[in-house]
Amino acid sequence: MSVHSAFWKDRLSIPAYRVAEAAAYVDISPQTISAWSRLNSKKKAATNLRSSKLGLNFLELIEVAIVAELRREGVSLNRIRDARKYFSEALDARHPFALERFKTDGVNILLDFNDDEGKHLADRLVVADELGQLVWADFLYKSLREFWYDDGLAVRWFVNGEDSDVVIDPRICFGSPSINGIMTRAIKNEWANGVEINEIAEDYSIAIKSVVEALKFEKVMVD
């Protein structure tokens, strides 16, 4: 696996994904991405997208992906906007959804709670969309497990869910979607040039199922 360990954080703020690409990865429309970044009457936005013309950087892509996941879990857009505003101010962060591991119970947006000394209290959660109110975590909630974090910073997204081999990681292939360090786009190009799936697997030393998953991710219809 080709992991670019040096200076990878410098690439987090560089636009690397066209809006159409990001929309395809998240499975929403480009218009939805633009709508989420617009301020409402209370000057709140669900994501922080500087300009759709420039494209999205990695942290913006993660925020869009998390908002999409929250929406699929049934969290209202108003609650997402409230949560983002609260944590933007509380954490003094431009991309708060990319900085912490959030959870949801399908109604609220929740975050693990640390006390004043930084000690994690496993039985309490912060309700981000209700101005940081604390609640007891004596109910089931869904972790957003397809997003991996390192020291509180999002570093990897399993695009098709936590069991997927397709990842977007700024340390691997400069953030292009990849499987085992091989860009899915490269696998698609091999297939388009007439190379059989088993030969692609052999050439790249990856499993045949990984080749199939990469092709499906690239919208190639295979058996």
Foldseek 3Di string as FASTA:
>chain_A
DQFQPPPLVVQQAQADAQLCRLCLLLVHHSVVLVQQCDADPVGFHLFPDPDNVRHHGNLRSQSVNVVSVLVVLQEDSLLSRLLVVLCCVVVVDRRLSQQAWWKAANYFIWGFDADPVRHTDRQWIFRSSVNRDIDGNPDDIDTQQQFDDDNRGTAKGQRVGPPHQWIQGCRAPNRATDGPRHHLVVLLVCVVVPDDLVVSCVVVVHDSVNSVSSCVSVVHDDD
